[in-house]
C-alpha atoms as a PDB file:
ATOM      1  CA  MET A   1      12.802   0.904  27.878  1.00  0.00           C
ATOM      2  CA  PRO A   2      14.596  -1.956  26.115  1.00  0.00           C
ATOM      3  CA  PRO A   3      18.354  -2.144  26.361  1.00  0.00           C
ATOM      4  CA  PRO A   4      20.357  -0.874  23.415  1.00  0.00           C
ATOM      5  CA  PRO A   5      21.173  -3.519  20.831  1.00  0.00           C
ATOM      6  CA  PRO A   6      24.592  -5.146  20.998  1.00  0.00           C
ATOM      7  CA  PRO A   7      27.051  -3.805  18.427  1.00  0.00           C
ATOM      8  CA  PHE A   8      27.238  -7.103  16.552  1.00  0.00           C
ATOM      9  CA  ALA A   9      23.445  -7.363  16.015  1.00  0.00           C
ATOM     10  CA  SER A  10      22.771  -3.826  14.809  1.00  0.00           C
ATOM     11  CA  PRO A  11      24.158  -3.997  11.238  1.00  0.00           C
ATOM     12  CA  ARG A  12      22.236  -7.193  10.465  1.00  0.00           C
ATOM     13  CA  GLY A  13      18.945  -5.754  11.732  1.00  0.00           C
ATOM     14  CA  GLU A  14      19.569  -2.517   9.873  1.00  0.00           C
ATOM     15  CA  GLN A  15      20.301  -4.490   6.720  1.00  0.00           C
ATOM     16  CA  HIS A  16      17.003  -6.378   7.034  1.00  0.00           C
ATOM     17  CA  LEU A  17      15.091  -3.145   7.631  1.00  0.00           C
ATOM     18  CA  GLY A  18      16.748  -1.586   4.592  1.00  0.00           C
ATOM     19  CA  GLN A  19      15.781  -4.529   2.419  1.00  0.00           C
ATOM     20  CA  LEU A  20      12.210  -4.396   3.696  1.00  0.00           C
ATOM     21  CA  ALA A  21      12.100  -0.659   2.964  1.00  0.00           C
ATOM     22  CA  ILE A  22      13.130  -1.323  -0.638  1.00  0.00           C
ATOM     23  CA  GLY A  23      10.383  -3.947  -0.890  1.00  0.00           C
ATOM     24  CA  TYR A  24       7.820  -1.442   0.373  1.00  0.00           C
ATOM     25  CA  TYR A  25       9.006   1.169  -2.144  1.00  0.00           C
ATOM     26  CA  VAL A  26       8.736  -1.311  -5.023  1.00  0.00           C
ATOM     27  CA  LEU A  27       5.288  -2.565  -3.984  1.00  0.00           C
ATOM     28  CA  GLY A  28       4.064   1.019  -3.520  1.00  0.00           C
ATOM     29  CA  GLY A  29       5.305   1.809  -7.005  1.00  0.00           C
ATOM     30  CA  LEU A  30       3.469  -1.215  -8.391  1.00  0.00           C
ATOM     31  CA  PHE A  31       0.219  -0.028  -6.828  1.00  0.00           C
ATOM     32  CA  VAL A  32       0.241   3.136  -8.987  1.00  0.00           C
ATOM     33  CA  PRO A  33      -0.266   1.584 -12.456  1.00  0.00           C
ATOM     34  CA  VAL A  34      -2.763  -0.905 -11.024  1.00  0.00           C
ATOM     35  CA  ALA A  35      -4.749   1.997  -9.571  1.00  0.00           C
ATOM     36  CA  PHE A  36      -4.971   3.664 -12.973  1.00  0.00           C
ATOM     37  CA  ILE A  37      -6.640   0.585 -14.476  1.00  0.00           C
ATOM     38  CA  PHE A  38      -9.795   1.878 -12.778  1.00  0.00           C
ATOM     39  CA  VAL A  39      -9.724   4.908 -15.086  1.00  0.00           C
ATOM     40  CA  ILE A  40     -11.267   2.574 -17.669  1.00  0.00           C
ATOM     41  CA  TYR A  41     -14.329   2.201 -15.417  1.00  0.00           C
ATOM     42  CA  ALA A  42     -14.595   5.970 -15.014  1.00  0.00           C
ATOM     43  CA  VAL A  43     -14.413   6.469 -18.790  1.00  0.00           C
ATOM     44  CA  LEU A  44     -17.097   3.825 -19.324  1.00  0.00           C
ATOM     45  CA  GLY A  45     -19.298   5.504 -16.730  1.00  0.00           C
ATOM     46  CA  ALA A  46     -18.886   8.863 -18.425  1.00  0.00           C
ATOM     47  CA  ALA A  47     -19.726   7.235 -21.773  1.00  0.00           C
ATOM     48  CA  PHE A  48     -22.919   5.761 -20.289  1.00  0.00           C
ATOM     49  CA  LEU A  49     -23.932   9.142 -18.892  1.00  0.00           C
ATOM     50  CA  ASN A  50     -23.186  10.994 -22.157  1.00  0.00           C
ATOM     51  CA  GLY A  51     -25.300   8.553 -24.152  1.00  0.00           C
ATOM     52  CA  ASP A  52     -22.363   7.286 -26.190  1.00  0.00           C
ATOM     53  CA  MET A  53     -23.330   3.685 -25.412  1.00  0.00           C
ATOM     54  CA  ASN A  54     -26.817   3.911 -26.981  1.00  0.00           C
ATOM     55  CA  HIS A  55     -25.803   2.923 -30.538  1.00  0.00           C
ATOM     56  CA  GLY A  56     -29.168   4.099 -31.874  1.00  0.00           C
ATOM     57  CA  GLN A  57     -31.216   1.914 -29.536  1.00  0.00           C
ATOM     58  CA  ALA A  58     -34.663   3.068 -28.473  1.00  0.00           C
ATOM     59  CA  ASN A  59     -34.077   1.937 -24.870  1.00  0.00           C
ATOM     60  CA  PRO A  60     -30.728   3.263 -23.642  1.00  0.00           C
ATOM     61  CA  PRO A  61     -29.230   1.815 -20.456  1.00  0.00           C
ATOM     62  CA  PRO A  62     -30.358   3.587 -17.279  1.00  0.00           C
ATOM     63  CA  ASP A  63     -28.186   6.338 -15.851  1.00  0.00           C
ATOM     64  CA  VAL A  64     -27.569   4.296 -12.712  1.00  0.00           C
ATOM     65  CA  PHE A  65     -25.119   2.139 -14.679  1.00  0.00           C
ATOM     66  CA  GLY A  66     -23.121   5.204 -15.622  1.00  0.00           C
ATOM     67  CA  TRP A  67     -23.024   6.463 -12.051  1.00  0.00           C
ATOM     68  CA  MET A  68     -22.013   3.012 -10.765  1.00  0.00           C
ATOM     69  CA  PHE A  69     -19.142   2.721 -13.227  1.00  0.00           C
ATOM     70  CA  LEU A  70     -18.044   6.277 -12.517  1.00  0.00           C
ATOM     71  CA  ALA A  71     -18.092   5.715  -8.741  1.00  0.00           C
ATOM     72  CA  ILE A  72     -16.200   2.425  -9.019  1.00  0.00           C
ATOM     73  CA  GLY A  73     -13.607   4.038 -11.274  1.00  0.00           C
ATOM     74  CA  ILE A  74     -12.987   7.099  -9.141  1.00  0.00           C
ATOM     75  CA  GLY A  75     -13.087   5.069  -5.923  1.00  0.00           C
ATOM     76  CA  GLY A  76     -10.643   2.496  -7.294  1.00  0.00           C
ATOM     77  CA  VAL A  77      -8.167   5.159  -8.350  1.00  0.00           C
ATOM     78  CA  LEU A  78      -8.394   6.926  -4.992  1.00  0.00           C
ATOM     79  CA  VAL A  79      -8.021   3.724  -2.953  1.00  0.00           C
ATOM     80  CA  GLY A  80      -5.134   2.510  -5.114  1.00  0.00           C
ATOM     81  CA  LEU A  81      -3.212   5.774  -4.947  1.00  0.00           C
ATOM     82  CA  THR A  82      -3.827   6.053  -1.199  1.00  0.00           C
ATOM     83  CA  MET A  83      -2.547   2.524  -0.673  1.00  0.00           C
ATOM     84  CA  ALA A  84       0.502   3.311  -2.809  1.00  0.00           C
ATOM     85  CA  ALA A  85       1.291   6.438  -0.788  1.00  0.00           C
ATOM     86  CA  LEU A  86       0.819   4.659   2.546  1.00  0.00           C
ATOM     87  CA  THR A  87       3.006   1.740   1.435  1.00  0.00           C
ATOM     88  CA  ILE A  88       5.794   4.073   0.327  1.00  0.00           C
ATOM     89  CA  PHE A  89       5.484   5.985   3.608  1.00  0.00           C
ATOM     90  CA  ALA A  90       5.734   2.705   5.541  1.00  0.00           C
ATOM     91  CA  GLY A  91       8.930   1.958   3.622  1.00  0.00           C
ATOM     92  CA  ARG A  92      10.240   5.352   4.658  1.00  0.00           C
ATOM     93  CA  CYS A  93       9.317   4.590   8.279  1.00  0.00           C
ATOM     94  CA  LEU A  94      11.278   1.341   8.053  1.00  0.00           C
ATOM     95  CA  ALA A  95      14.290   3.138   6.596  1.00  0.00           C
ATOM     96  CA  THR A  96      14.272   5.817   9.305  1.00  0.00           C
ATOM     97  CA  LYS A  97      13.249   3.356  12.047  1.00  0.00           C
ATOM     98  CA  LYS A  98      10.222   5.373  13.180  1.00  0.00           C
ATOM     99  CA  ASN A  99       6.466   4.734  13.626  1.00  0.00           C
ATOM    100  CA  LEU A 100       6.647   1.038  14.492  1.00  0.00           C
ATOM    101  CA  THR A 101       2.895   0.791  15.083  1.00  0.00           C
ATOM    102  CA  PHE A 102       2.154   2.214  11.633  1.00  0.00           C
ATOM    103  CA  VAL A 103       4.547  -0.302  10.061  1.00  0.00           C
ATOM    104  CA  TYR A 104       2.742  -3.162  11.846  1.00  0.00           C
ATOM    105  CA  ILE A 105      -0.632  -1.880  10.596  1.00  0.00           C
ATOM    106  CA  MET A 106       0.602  -1.569   7.021  1.00  0.00           C
ATOM    107  CA  ALA A 107       2.175  -5.045   7.161  1.00  0.00           C
ATOM    108  CA  GLY A 108      -1.202  -6.426   8.206  1.00  0.00           C
ATOM    109  CA  LEU A 109      -2.988  -4.566   5.398  1.00  0.00           C
ATOM    110  CA  LEU A 110      -0.444  -5.734   2.850  1.00  0.00           C
ATOM    111  CA  CYS A 111      -1.027  -9.347   3.877  1.00  0.00           C
ATOM    112  CA  THR A 112      -4.411  -9.094   2.128  1.00  0.00           C
ATOM    113  CA  ASN A 113      -2.715  -8.320  -1.197  1.00  0.00           C
ATOM    114  CA  MET A 114      -1.720 -11.659  -2.730  1.00  0.00           C
ATOM    115  CA  PRO A 115       1.063 -12.665  -3.483  1.00  0.00           C
ATOM    116  CA  LEU A 116       3.631  -9.849  -3.135  1.00  0.00           C
ATOM    117  CA  GLY A 117       1.912  -8.032  -0.294  1.00  0.00           C
ATOM    118  CA  THR A 118       1.506 -11.250   1.673  1.00  0.00           C
ATOM    119  CA  ILE A 119       5.179 -12.094   1.310  1.00  0.00           C
ATOM    120  CA  LEU A 120       6.241  -8.581   2.296  1.00  0.00           C
ATOM    121  CA  GLY A 121       3.822  -8.413   5.231  1.00  0.00           C
ATOM    122  CA  VAL A 122       4.884 -11.781   6.634  1.00  0.00           C
ATOM    123  CA  LEU A 123       8.571 -10.933   6.236  1.00  0.00           C
ATOM    124  CA  THR A 124       7.935  -7.660   8.047  1.00  0.00           C
ATOM    125  CA  PHE A 125       6.369  -9.497  10.977  1.00  0.00           C
ATOM    126  CA  VAL A 126       9.260 -11.980  11.024  1.00  0.00           C
ATOM    127  CA  VAL A 127      11.943  -9.276  11.000  1.00  0.00           C
ATOM    128  CA  LEU A 128      10.155  -7.112  13.568  1.00  0.00           C
ATOM    129  CA  SER A 129       9.576 -10.072  15.896  1.00  0.00           C
ATOM    130  CA  ASN A 130      13.292  -9.971  16.672  1.00  0.00           C
ATOM    131  CA  ASP A 131      13.926  -7.979  19.860  1.00  0.00           C
ATOM    132  CA  MET A 132      17.166  -6.549  18.484  1.00  0.00           C
ATOM    133  CA  THR A 133      15.450  -5.164  15.396  1.00  0.00           C
ATOM    134  CA  ARG A 134      12.574  -3.775  17.435  1.00  0.00           C
ATOM    135  CA  SER A 135      15.050  -2.077  19.766  1.00  0.00           C
ATOM    136  CA  LEU A 136      16.395  -0.135  16.780  1.00  0.00           C
ATOM    137  CA  PHE A 137      12.990   1.547  16.607  1.00  0.00           C
ATOM    138  CA  ALA A 138      12.933   2.138  20.366  1.00  0.00           C
ATOM    139  CA  SER A 139      16.354   3.776  20.339  1.00  0.00           C
ATOM    140  CA  ASN A 140      15.198   6.128  17.556  1.00  0.00           C
ATOM    141  CA  GLN A 141      12.095   7.465  19.374  1.00  0.00           C
ATOM    142  CA  PRO A 142      12.100  11.011  20.771  1.00  0.00           C
ATOM    143  CA  ARG A 143      12.476  11.194  24.529  1.00  0.00           C
END
């Protein structure tokens, strides 16, 4: 068990964790409208399947195009909303100083999202590499 943080280091580490939590909340909120862009694909897929894209042609596009667009649209919305919820939850974990492993995993996943996610993920690794900040999580774990 790591030693408790010195009194002079705790407010600075808590301040950094609070700022990171706000960053996670903002990025999670930005994921929501981006996820709903995929609704356009779902609408196009439904239009293909309903025959609205024929325009009086003798050879309409095959139904596989409609199913592909529909699957991409629904999948994109689900993945985007899931990522938004997980990012907001990681921000909550940072604010309450719990679930350090989950925060590390989310920071790694966010590094794949250029540019804001990469900045936030790298800053998370930098802040959590400090032993004093990491000990804030250790002191908050149930015994």
